[in-house]
Amino acid sequence: MLLLPACYTYAPANRDVSAAWRNRTQAELVDRWGSPAQQQGDAMVWSYTTTHVELPSTRVDVAPVAAAARVEGPGVSGTAIVAVPAVKVAWRPGEILHLQHDAAALVSNGVVADVQGEALHWGPPNDVNLHWGTIYGLELGMGRLANTPTPLPSGNMYLGGMIGPQLGLVGTYSFVAGSSDAGSAIAMAAGFAAQYWPINRLWLRAGPAALLAWDPGFMNGRFEPGVTAAASYAVIKIGVLALDVRLDVAGGPSTAFGTIGVGINVN
C-alpha cells in the first residue's frame, strides 16, 4: 500500500526534469547524460532501447448464429429459425519488440533552450531538488537505548513513493540494540511517515509508529504507540543513488532509542 503514493513519476516527473534543464549549459548536460547518439545542427538526441516480450496467445469466441431449417411432417409444414453456436479460434504468435526511446535537447550558443522526449530516463541536473517514483533506503550504524549506556550495531530501513517532487510517504522499520551491566536489550519500531527534502541532499522524516522494547536482560517487554523521526544528509549523490549520514530516533511513553550511521538510498 505504501508504494501506491508513488504517483509522482512518468509524465509529471518527466515534464519537470525537462524544465530543469532549460538555461543550463550544454557542457553540463553532456556531462550528466553522456555524449548524444546524434547531433543535427543545434539539436542533440539521446536514445535508449527497451525490449518487450509478448507470449503466444489463443482466443476462442463462441457466438450464436441464426440458421433456417425446413420442417415437413404430418400436419406440419414451414420454416424454423434455430440458433447454432459458431466457434472462432484466433492464434497470435509471440514476438519480441525492440522499442527506441529518444530525448532531444535544443541548444543555442552553448545553452539548453528546450528538452523534449524521455528526459526522465537520464534525470535532472544533480543539484536540482527533484525526486520521483519509488524510494527506499537502508542504514547501518550504532544504536542506543535510553536504559542502556553502551551502544551496539543497529539499523533501519524505509520503502515508499513520492507524491510530489520533494514529498514522499514511506513505511519505516528500525532495530536498535544496547547493553548494560544488567545485560543486553533491544527495541524495534515500525510505522509510516512523511519524508521531505528541503534541499536536494537533505531529507527529514517524521510519523507515528508502533514500538516494541525490552529492558536489559530482556526483561519487561512492552508494546506501545510512539513516533519516529529521522534526518539524512547525502555525502555522495549520483543521479538517484545517494550515500548518506543518517540519524534515526523513536520514542514512546516509556521508551526511547535511536541510531546514527551511514546508509544507501535510491531516491
C-alpha atoms as a PDB file:
ATOM      1  CA  MET A   1       0.000   0.000   0.000  1.00  0.00           C
ATOM      2  CA  LEU A   2       2.871   2.388   0.699  1.00  0.00           C
ATOM      3  CA  LEU A   3       4.027   2.017  -2.903  1.00  0.00           C
ATOM      4  CA  LEU A   4       0.693   3.368  -4.150  1.00  0.00           C
ATOM      5  CA  PRO A   5       1.580   7.004  -3.332  1.00  0.00           C
ATOM      6  CA  ALA A   6       4.396   6.826  -5.904  1.00  0.00           C
ATOM      7  CA  CYS A   7       2.212   8.839  -8.264  1.00  0.00           C
ATOM      8  CA  TYR A   8       4.832  11.472  -8.981  1.00  0.00           C
ATOM      9  CA  THR A   9       6.581   9.725 -11.853  1.00  0.00           C
ATOM     10  CA  TYR A  10       6.414   9.275 -15.633  1.00  0.00           C
ATOM     11  CA  ALA A  11       4.610  12.223 -17.278  1.00  0.00           C
ATOM     12  CA  PRO A  12       4.643  14.797 -14.421  1.00  0.00           C
ATOM     13  CA  ALA A  13       8.195  13.969 -13.375  1.00  0.00           C
ATOM     14  CA  ASN A  14       9.372  13.878 -16.995  1.00  0.00           C
ATOM     15  CA  ARG A  15       7.912  17.347 -17.551  1.00  0.00           C
ATOM     16  CA  ASP A  16       9.767  18.754 -14.531  1.00  0.00           C
ATOM     17  CA  VAL A  17      13.051  17.090 -15.492  1.00  0.00           C
ATOM     18  CA  SER A  18      12.810  18.636 -18.962  1.00  0.00           C
ATOM     19  CA  ALA A  19      12.097  22.062 -17.452  1.00  0.00           C
ATOM     20  CA  ALA A  20      15.053  21.733 -15.061  1.00  0.00           C
ATOM     21  CA  TRP A  21      17.495  21.585 -17.983  1.00  0.00           C
ATOM     22  CA  ARG A  22      16.373  24.831 -19.604  1.00  0.00           C
ATOM     23  CA  ASN A  23      19.008  27.571 -19.418  1.00  0.00           C
ATOM     24  CA  ARG A  24      21.651  25.065 -18.293  1.00  0.00           C
ATOM     25  CA  THR A  25      24.891  24.781 -20.228  1.00  0.00           C
ATOM     26  CA  GLN A  26      25.447  22.226 -22.965  1.00  0.00           C
ATOM     27  CA  ALA A  27      28.611  21.044 -21.177  1.00  0.00           C
ATOM     28  CA  GLU A  28      26.640  20.284 -18.007  1.00  0.00           C
ATOM     29  CA  LEU A  29      24.020  18.331 -19.955  1.00  0.00           C
ATOM     30  CA  VAL A  30      26.618  16.223 -21.759  1.00  0.00           C
ATOM     31  CA  ASP A  31      28.472  15.594 -18.506  1.00  0.00           C
ATOM     32  CA  ARG A  32      25.249  14.295 -16.904  1.00  0.00           C
ATOM     33  CA  TRP A  33      23.747  12.384 -19.839  1.00  0.00           C
ATOM     34  CA  GLY A  34      26.884  11.427 -21.756  1.00  0.00           C
ATOM     35  CA  SER A  35      27.568  12.025 -25.423  1.00  0.00           C
ATOM     36  CA  PRO A  36      24.446  12.195 -27.609  1.00  0.00           C
ATOM     37  CA  ALA A  37      23.638   9.427 -30.067  1.00  0.00           C
ATOM     38  CA  GLN A  38      23.381  12.008 -32.831  1.00  0.00           C
ATOM     39  CA  GLN A  39      23.564  15.746 -33.382  1.00  0.00           C
ATOM     40  CA  GLN A  40      21.859  17.679 -36.136  1.00  0.00           C
ATOM     41  CA  GLY A  41      22.678  21.370 -36.075  1.00  0.00           C
ATOM     42  CA  ASP A  42      21.502  22.758 -32.726  1.00  0.00           C
ATOM     43  CA  ALA A  43      19.564  19.572 -31.851  1.00  0.00           C
ATOM     44  CA  MET A  44      21.211  16.854 -29.755  1.00  0.00           C
ATOM     45  CA  VAL A  45      19.475  13.476 -29.449  1.00  0.00           C
ATOM     46  CA  TRP A  46      19.970  10.724 -26.858  1.00  0.00           C
ATOM     47  CA  SER A  47      18.458   7.255 -27.339  1.00  0.00           C
ATOM     48  CA  TYR A  48      17.922   4.034 -25.450  1.00  0.00           C
ATOM     49  CA  THR A  49      16.146   0.792 -26.337  1.00  0.00           C
ATOM     50  CA  THR A  50      13.785  -1.378 -24.304  1.00  0.00           C
ATOM     51  CA  THR A  51      12.835  -4.971 -25.102  1.00  0.00           C
ATOM     52  CA  HIS A  52       9.316  -6.305 -24.623  1.00  0.00           C
ATOM     53  CA  VAL A  53       8.412  -9.999 -24.922  1.00  0.00           C
ATOM     54  CA  GLU A  54       4.827 -10.913 -25.859  1.00  0.00           C
ATOM     55  CA  LEU A  55       3.892 -14.571 -25.348  1.00  0.00           C
ATOM     56  CA  PRO A  56       1.818 -16.560 -27.870  1.00  0.00           C
ATOM     57  CA  SER A  57      -1.907 -16.446 -27.201  1.00  0.00           C
ATOM     58  CA  THR A  58      -5.091 -18.116 -28.384  1.00  0.00           C
ATOM     59  CA  ARG A  59      -8.533 -16.534 -28.409  1.00  0.00           C
ATOM     60  CA  VAL A  60     -11.726 -18.565 -28.721  1.00  0.00           C
ATOM     61  CA  ASP A  61     -15.001 -16.760 -29.450  1.00  0.00           C
ATOM     62  CA  VAL A  62     -18.346 -18.586 -29.310  1.00  0.00           C
ATOM     63  CA  ALA A  63     -21.385 -16.752 -30.650  1.00  0.00           C
ATOM     64  CA  PRO A  64     -24.883 -17.889 -31.642  1.00  0.00           C
ATOM     65  CA  VAL A  65     -25.688 -17.820 -35.357  1.00  0.00           C
ATOM     66  CA  ALA A  66     -29.237 -17.974 -36.715  1.00  0.00           C
ATOM     67  CA  ALA A  67     -29.990 -20.776 -39.188  1.00  0.00           C
ATOM     68  CA  ALA A  68     -33.156 -21.584 -41.141  1.00  0.00           C
ATOM     69  CA  ALA A  69     -34.397 -25.179 -41.386  1.00  0.00           C
ATOM     70  CA  ARG A  70     -37.301 -26.538 -43.442  1.00  0.00           C
ATOM     71  CA  VAL A  71     -39.736 -28.593 -41.370  1.00  0.00           C
ATOM     72  CA  GLU A  72     -42.054 -31.122 -43.042  1.00  0.00           C
ATOM     73  CA  GLY A  73     -44.286 -33.574 -41.242  1.00  0.00           C
ATOM     74  CA  PRO A  74     -47.828 -34.799 -40.799  1.00  0.00           C
ATOM     75  CA  GLY A  75     -49.896 -31.668 -40.421  1.00  0.00           C
ATOM     76  CA  VAL A  76     -46.763 -29.502 -40.125  1.00  0.00           C
ATOM     77  CA  SER A  77     -45.061 -27.578 -42.881  1.00  0.00           C
ATOM     78  CA  GLY A  78     -42.892 -24.461 -42.720  1.00  0.00           C
ATOM     79  CA  THR A  79     -39.545 -22.948 -41.907  1.00  0.00           C
ATOM     80  CA  ALA A  80     -37.995 -22.883 -38.400  1.00  0.00           C
ATOM     81  CA  ILE A  81     -35.295 -20.455 -37.245  1.00  0.00           C
ATOM     82  CA  VAL A  82     -32.805 -22.018 -34.839  1.00  0.00           C
ATOM     83  CA  ALA A  83     -29.629 -20.711 -33.125  1.00  0.00           C
ATOM     84  CA  VAL A  84     -26.484 -22.770 -33.508  1.00  0.00           C
ATOM     85  CA  PRO A  85     -23.110 -21.983 -31.884  1.00  0.00           C
ATOM     86  CA  ALA A  86     -20.337 -20.684 -34.110  1.00  0.00           C
ATOM     87  CA  VAL A  87     -16.774 -21.116 -32.824  1.00  0.00           C
ATOM     88  CA  LYS A  88     -13.986 -18.822 -33.981  1.00  0.00           C
ATOM     89  CA  VAL A  89     -10.400 -19.558 -32.959  1.00  0.00           C
ATOM     90  CA  ALA A  90      -7.709 -16.895 -33.379  1.00  0.00           C
ATOM     91  CA  TRP A  91      -3.999 -17.630 -32.825  1.00  0.00           C
ATOM     92  CA  ARG A  92      -1.447 -14.884 -32.269  1.00  0.00           C
ATOM     93  CA  PRO A  93       2.209 -15.899 -32.274  1.00  0.00           C
ATOM     94  CA  GLY A  94       4.612 -14.454 -29.713  1.00  0.00           C
ATOM     95  CA  GLU A  95       7.053 -11.728 -30.631  1.00  0.00           C
ATOM     96  CA  ILE A  96       9.968  -9.748 -29.265  1.00  0.00           C
ATOM     97  CA  LEU A  97       9.649  -5.981 -29.645  1.00  0.00           C
ATOM     98  CA  HIS A  98      12.576  -3.570 -29.519  1.00  0.00           C
ATOM     99  CA  LEU A  99      11.357  -0.039 -28.828  1.00  0.00           C
ATOM    100  CA  GLN A 100      13.553   3.036 -29.173  1.00  0.00           C
ATOM    101  CA  HIS A 101      13.072   5.992 -26.832  1.00  0.00           C
ATOM    102  CA  ASP A 102      14.578   9.406 -27.528  1.00  0.00           C
ATOM    103  CA  ALA A 103      15.210  12.681 -25.743  1.00  0.00           C
ATOM    104  CA  ALA A 104      16.215  15.767 -27.706  1.00  0.00           C
ATOM    105  CA  ALA A 105      17.790  18.997 -26.494  1.00  0.00           C
ATOM    106  CA  LEU A 106      17.785  22.211 -28.477  1.00  0.00           C
ATOM    107  CA  VAL A 107      20.989  24.139 -27.765  1.00  0.00           C
ATOM    108  CA  SER A 108      21.640  27.774 -28.626  1.00  0.00           C
ATOM    109  CA  ASN A 109      25.080  29.332 -28.065  1.00  0.00           C
ATOM    110  CA  GLY A 110      26.051  26.586 -25.636  1.00  0.00           C
ATOM    111  CA  VAL A 111      22.858  26.962 -23.552  1.00  0.00           C
ATOM    112  CA  VAL A 112      19.955  24.480 -23.433  1.00  0.00           C
ATOM    113  CA  ALA A 113      16.843  26.194 -24.795  1.00  0.00           C
ATOM    114  CA  ASP A 114      14.449  23.225 -24.527  1.00  0.00           C
ATOM    115  CA  VAL A 115      14.320  19.470 -23.865  1.00  0.00           C
ATOM    116  CA  GLN A 116      11.699  17.104 -25.292  1.00  0.00           C
ATOM    117  CA  GLY A 117      11.152  13.346 -25.047  1.00  0.00           C
ATOM    118  CA  GLU A 118      12.168  10.773 -22.439  1.00  0.00           C
ATOM    119  CA  ALA A 119      14.241  13.098 -20.229  1.00  0.00           C
ATOM    120  CA  LEU A 120      13.301  11.195 -17.046  1.00  0.00           C
ATOM    121  CA  HIS A 121      15.450   8.240 -18.132  1.00  0.00           C
ATOM    122  CA  TRP A 122      18.622  10.339 -17.814  1.00  0.00           C
ATOM    123  CA  GLY A 123      17.434  12.546 -14.953  1.00  0.00           C
ATOM    124  CA  PRO A 124      17.735  16.204 -13.941  1.00  0.00           C
ATOM    125  CA  PRO A 125      20.896  18.138 -13.041  1.00  0.00           C
ATOM    126  CA  ASN A 126      22.499  16.733  -9.892  1.00  0.00           C
ATOM    127  CA  ASP A 127      21.850  19.879  -7.866  1.00  0.00           C
ATOM    128  CA  VAL A 128      18.101  20.056  -8.602  1.00  0.00           C
ATOM    129  CA  ASN A 129      15.809  19.123  -5.692  1.00  0.00           C
ATOM    130  CA  LEU A 130      13.688  16.655  -7.642  1.00  0.00           C
ATOM    131  CA  HIS A 131      12.781  13.078  -6.633  1.00  0.00           C
ATOM    132  CA  TRP A 132      10.251  10.692  -8.182  1.00  0.00           C
ATOM    133  CA  GLY A 133       8.765   7.197  -8.206  1.00  0.00           C
ATOM    134  CA  THR A 134       9.598   4.521  -5.639  1.00  0.00           C
ATOM    135  CA  ILE A 135      12.118   5.440  -2.942  1.00  0.00           C
ATOM    136  CA  TYR A 136      13.932   3.202  -0.459  1.00  0.00           C
ATOM    137  CA  GLY A 137      16.979   3.143   1.777  1.00  0.00           C
ATOM    138  CA  LEU A 138      18.944   1.112   4.310  1.00  0.00           C
ATOM    139  CA  GLU A 139      21.117   2.320   7.200  1.00  0.00           C
ATOM    140  CA  LEU A 140      23.646   0.504   9.384  1.00  0.00           C
ATOM    141  CA  GLY A 141      25.263   2.091  12.421  1.00  0.00           C
ATOM    142  CA  MET A 142      25.409   2.125  16.214  1.00  0.00           C
ATOM    143  CA  GLY A 143      22.251   2.225  18.282  1.00  0.00           C
ATOM    144  CA  ARG A 144      21.492   3.334  21.804  1.00  0.00           C
ATOM    145  CA  LEU A 145      18.523   2.686  24.101  1.00  0.00           C
ATOM    146  CA  ALA A 146      17.671   5.136  26.870  1.00  0.00           C
ATOM    147  CA  ASN A 147      18.138   2.409  29.511  1.00  0.00           C
ATOM    148  CA  THR A 148      21.469   1.037  28.182  1.00  0.00           C
ATOM    149  CA  PRO A 149      24.705   3.105  28.252  1.00  0.00           C
ATOM    150  CA  THR A 150      26.631   1.018  25.709  1.00  0.00           C
ATOM    151  CA  PRO A 151      25.655   1.205  22.001  1.00  0.00           C
ATOM    152  CA  LEU A 152      25.573  -1.855  19.758  1.00  0.00           C
ATOM    153  CA  PRO A 153      25.227  -2.362  15.970  1.00  0.00           C
ATOM    154  CA  SER A 154      21.742  -1.345  14.811  1.00  0.00           C
ATOM    155  CA  GLY A 155      19.951  -0.217  11.668  1.00  0.00           C
ATOM    156  CA  ASN A 156      16.801   0.893   9.937  1.00  0.00           C
ATOM    157  CA  MET A 157      15.154   0.885   6.522  1.00  0.00           C
ATOM    158  CA  TYR A 158      12.360   2.592   4.616  1.00  0.00           C
ATOM    159  CA  LEU A 159      10.274   1.969   1.490  1.00  0.00           C
ATOM    160  CA  GLY A 160       7.663   4.153  -0.164  1.00  0.00           C
ATOM    161  CA  GLY A 161       6.910   6.529  -3.006  1.00  0.00           C
ATOM    162  CA  MET A 162       6.893  10.198  -3.982  1.00  0.00           C
ATOM    163  CA  ILE A 163       3.661  12.180  -4.153  1.00  0.00           C
ATOM    164  CA  GLY A 164       5.450  15.353  -5.281  1.00  0.00           C
ATOM    165  CA  PRO A 165       8.967  16.419  -6.292  1.00  0.00           C
ATOM    166  CA  GLN A 166      10.031  16.957  -2.635  1.00  0.00           C
ATOM    167  CA  LEU A 167       7.467  14.985  -0.569  1.00  0.00           C
ATOM    168  CA  GLY A 168       7.104  11.229  -0.158  1.00  0.00           C
ATOM    169  CA  LEU A 169       5.240   8.744   2.048  1.00  0.00           C
ATOM    170  CA  VAL A 170       7.235   5.793   3.404  1.00  0.00           C
ATOM    171  CA  GLY A 171       6.982   2.794   5.662  1.00  0.00           C
ATOM    172  CA  THR A 172       9.811   2.571   8.212  1.00  0.00           C
ATOM    173  CA  TYR A 173      11.397  -0.126  10.368  1.00  0.00           C
ATOM    174  CA  SER A 174      14.152   0.285  12.975  1.00  0.00           C
ATOM    175  CA  PHE A 175      16.070  -2.251  15.064  1.00  0.00           C
ATOM    176  CA  VAL A 176      18.209  -0.923  17.920  1.00  0.00           C
ATOM    177  CA  ALA A 177      20.405  -2.828  20.381  1.00  0.00           C
ATOM    178  CA  GLY A 178      22.314  -1.775  23.505  1.00  0.00           C
ATOM    179  CA  SER A 179      23.899  -3.269  26.586  1.00  0.00           C
ATOM    180  CA  SER A 180      24.484  -2.511  30.272  1.00  0.00           C
ATOM    181  CA  ASP A 181      25.750  -4.304  33.363  1.00  0.00           C
ATOM    182  CA  ALA A 182      22.326  -5.909  33.686  1.00  0.00           C
ATOM    183  CA  GLY A 183      22.527  -7.385  30.191  1.00  0.00           C
ATOM    184  CA  SER A 184      21.581  -6.568  26.620  1.00  0.00           C
ATOM    185  CA  ALA A 185      18.353  -5.090  25.352  1.00  0.00           C
ATOM    186  CA  ILE A 186      16.690  -4.473  22.011  1.00  0.00           C
ATOM    187  CA  ALA A 187      13.933  -2.267  20.674  1.00  0.00           C
ATOM    188  CA  MET A 188      12.050  -2.082  17.395  1.00  0.00           C
ATOM    189  CA  ALA A 189       9.827   0.489  15.717  1.00  0.00           C
ATOM    190  CA  ALA A 190       7.573   0.118  12.675  1.00  0.00           C
ATOM    191  CA  GLY A 191       5.384   2.827  11.225  1.00  0.00           C
ATOM    192  CA  PHE A 192       4.770   5.219   8.374  1.00  0.00           C
ATOM    193  CA  ALA A 193       5.960   8.782   7.860  1.00  0.00           C
ATOM    194  CA  ALA A 194       6.159  11.784   5.580  1.00  0.00           C
ATOM    195  CA  GLN A 195       9.631  12.302   4.112  1.00  0.00           C
ATOM    196  CA  TYR A 196      10.517  15.801   2.904  1.00  0.00           C
ATOM    197  CA  TRP A 197      13.533  17.252   1.074  1.00  0.00           C
ATOM    198  CA  PRO A 198      14.047  20.964   1.941  1.00  0.00           C
ATOM    199  CA  ILE A 199      17.185  20.846  -0.239  1.00  0.00           C
ATOM    200  CA  ASN A 200      18.447  18.243  -2.682  1.00  0.00           C
ATOM    201  CA  ARG A 201      20.835  16.418  -0.327  1.00  0.00           C
ATOM    202  CA  LEU A 202      18.867  16.678   2.921  1.00  0.00           C
ATOM    203  CA  TRP A 203      15.650  14.907   3.901  1.00  0.00           C
ATOM    204  CA  LEU A 204      13.645  15.000   7.111  1.00  0.00           C
ATOM    205  CA  ARG A 205      11.108  12.397   8.197  1.00  0.00           C
ATOM    206  CA  ALA A 206       8.514  12.013  10.961  1.00  0.00           C
ATOM    207  CA  GLY A 207       5.412   9.948  11.653  1.00  0.00           C
ATOM    208  CA  PRO A 208       3.563   7.599  14.043  1.00  0.00           C
ATOM    209  CA  ALA A 209       4.910   4.141  14.857  1.00  0.00           C
ATOM    210  CA  ALA A 210       4.374   1.042  16.967  1.00  0.00           C
ATOM    211  CA  LEU A 211       7.227   0.376  19.429  1.00  0.00           C
ATOM    212  CA  LEU A 212       8.373  -2.909  20.962  1.00  0.00           C
ATOM    213  CA  ALA A 213      11.140  -2.776  23.577  1.00  0.00           C
ATOM    214  CA  TRP A 214      12.767  -4.776  26.394  1.00  0.00           C
ATOM    215  CA  ASP A 215      14.770  -3.704  29.433  1.00  0.00           C
ATOM    216  CA  PRO A 216      18.345  -5.037  29.935  1.00  0.00           C
ATOM    217  CA  GLY A 217      18.390  -8.798  30.323  1.00  0.00           C
ATOM    218  CA  PHE A 218      15.350  -8.926  28.031  1.00  0.00           C
ATOM    219  CA  MET A 219      13.041  -8.180  30.922  1.00  0.00           C
ATOM    220  CA  ASN A 220       9.756  -6.238  30.985  1.00  0.00           C
ATOM    221  CA  GLY A 221       8.877  -6.341  27.317  1.00  0.00           C
ATOM    222  CA  ARG A 222       6.378  -3.674  26.319  1.00  0.00           C
ATOM    223  CA  PHE A 223       4.416  -2.739  23.230  1.00  0.00           C
ATOM    224  CA  GLU A 224       3.239   0.860  22.907  1.00  0.00           C
ATOM    225  CA  PRO A 225       2.425   3.628  20.425  1.00  0.00           C
ATOM    226  CA  GLY A 226       5.034   6.238  19.647  1.00  0.00           C
ATOM    227  CA  VAL A 227       6.644   8.341  16.962  1.00  0.00           C
ATOM    228  CA  THR A 228       9.719   8.103  14.765  1.00  0.00           C
ATOM    229  CA  ALA A 229      11.840  10.864  13.257  1.00  0.00           C
ATOM    230  CA  ALA A 230      14.951  10.892  11.107  1.00  0.00           C
ATOM    231  CA  ALA A 231      17.310  13.198   9.252  1.00  0.00           C
ATOM    232  CA  SER A 232      19.688  12.325   6.416  1.00  0.00           C
ATOM    233  CA  TYR A 233      22.404  14.213   4.562  1.00  0.00           C
ATOM    234  CA  ALA A 234      23.718  12.745   1.302  1.00  0.00           C
ATOM    235  CA  VAL A 235      27.509  12.964   1.386  1.00  0.00           C
ATOM    236  CA  ILE A 236      27.692  11.451  -2.117  1.00  0.00           C
ATOM    237  CA  LYS A 237      24.867  11.761  -4.640  1.00  0.00           C
ATOM    238  CA  ILE A 238      24.971  10.470  -8.200  1.00  0.00           C
ATOM    239  CA  GLY A 239      21.647  10.579 -10.004  1.00  0.00           C
ATOM    240  CA  VAL A 240      19.068   8.808  -7.822  1.00  0.00           C
ATOM    241  CA  LEU A 241      21.708   6.966  -5.761  1.00  0.00           C
ATOM    242  CA  ALA A 242      22.834   8.589  -2.503  1.00  0.00           C
ATOM    243  CA  LEU A 243      25.242   7.596   0.283  1.00  0.00           C
ATOM    244  CA  ASP A 244      24.263   9.413   3.452  1.00  0.00           C
ATOM    245  CA  VAL A 245      24.886  10.044   7.131  1.00  0.00           C
ATOM    246  CA  ARG A 246      21.648   9.432   8.987  1.00  0.00           C
ATOM    247  CA  LEU A 247      20.145   9.884  12.449  1.00  0.00           C
ATOM    248  CA  ASP A 248      17.015   7.869  13.270  1.00  0.00           C
ATOM    249  CA  VAL A 249      15.170   8.115  16.619  1.00  0.00           C
ATOM    250  CA  ALA A 250      11.967   6.712  18.111  1.00  0.00           C
ATOM    251  CA  GLY A 251      10.155   7.350  21.349  1.00  0.00           C
ATOM    252  CA  GLY A 252       7.031   6.447  23.299  1.00  0.00           C
ATOM    253  CA  PRO A 253       5.535   6.897  26.779  1.00  0.00           C
ATOM    254  CA  SER A 254       8.147   4.679  28.450  1.00  0.00           C
ATOM    255  CA  THR A 255      10.971   4.114  25.962  1.00  0.00           C
ATOM    256  CA  ALA A 256      13.309   5.966  23.611  1.00  0.00           C
ATOM    257  CA  PHE A 257      16.072   4.783  21.292  1.00  0.00           C
ATOM    258  CA  GLY A 258      17.941   5.764  18.159  1.00  0.00           C
ATOM    259  CA  THR A 259      20.662   5.001  15.633  1.00  0.00           C
ATOM    260  CA  ILE A 260      23.350   7.031  13.917  1.00  0.00           C
ATOM    261  CA  GLY A 261      25.122   5.550  10.941  1.00  0.00           C
ATOM    262  CA  VAL A 262      25.617   5.519   7.184  1.00  0.00           C
ATOM    263  CA  GLY A 263      23.086   4.474   4.590  1.00  0.00           C
ATOM    264  CA  ILE A 264      22.481   3.819   0.929  1.00  0.00           C
ATOM    265  CA  ASN A 265      19.365   5.221  -0.719  1.00  0.00           C
ATOM    266  CA  VAL A 266      17.581   5.259  -4.049  1.00  0.00           C
ATOM    267  CA  ASN A 267      15.563   8.459  -4.261  1.00  0.00           C
END
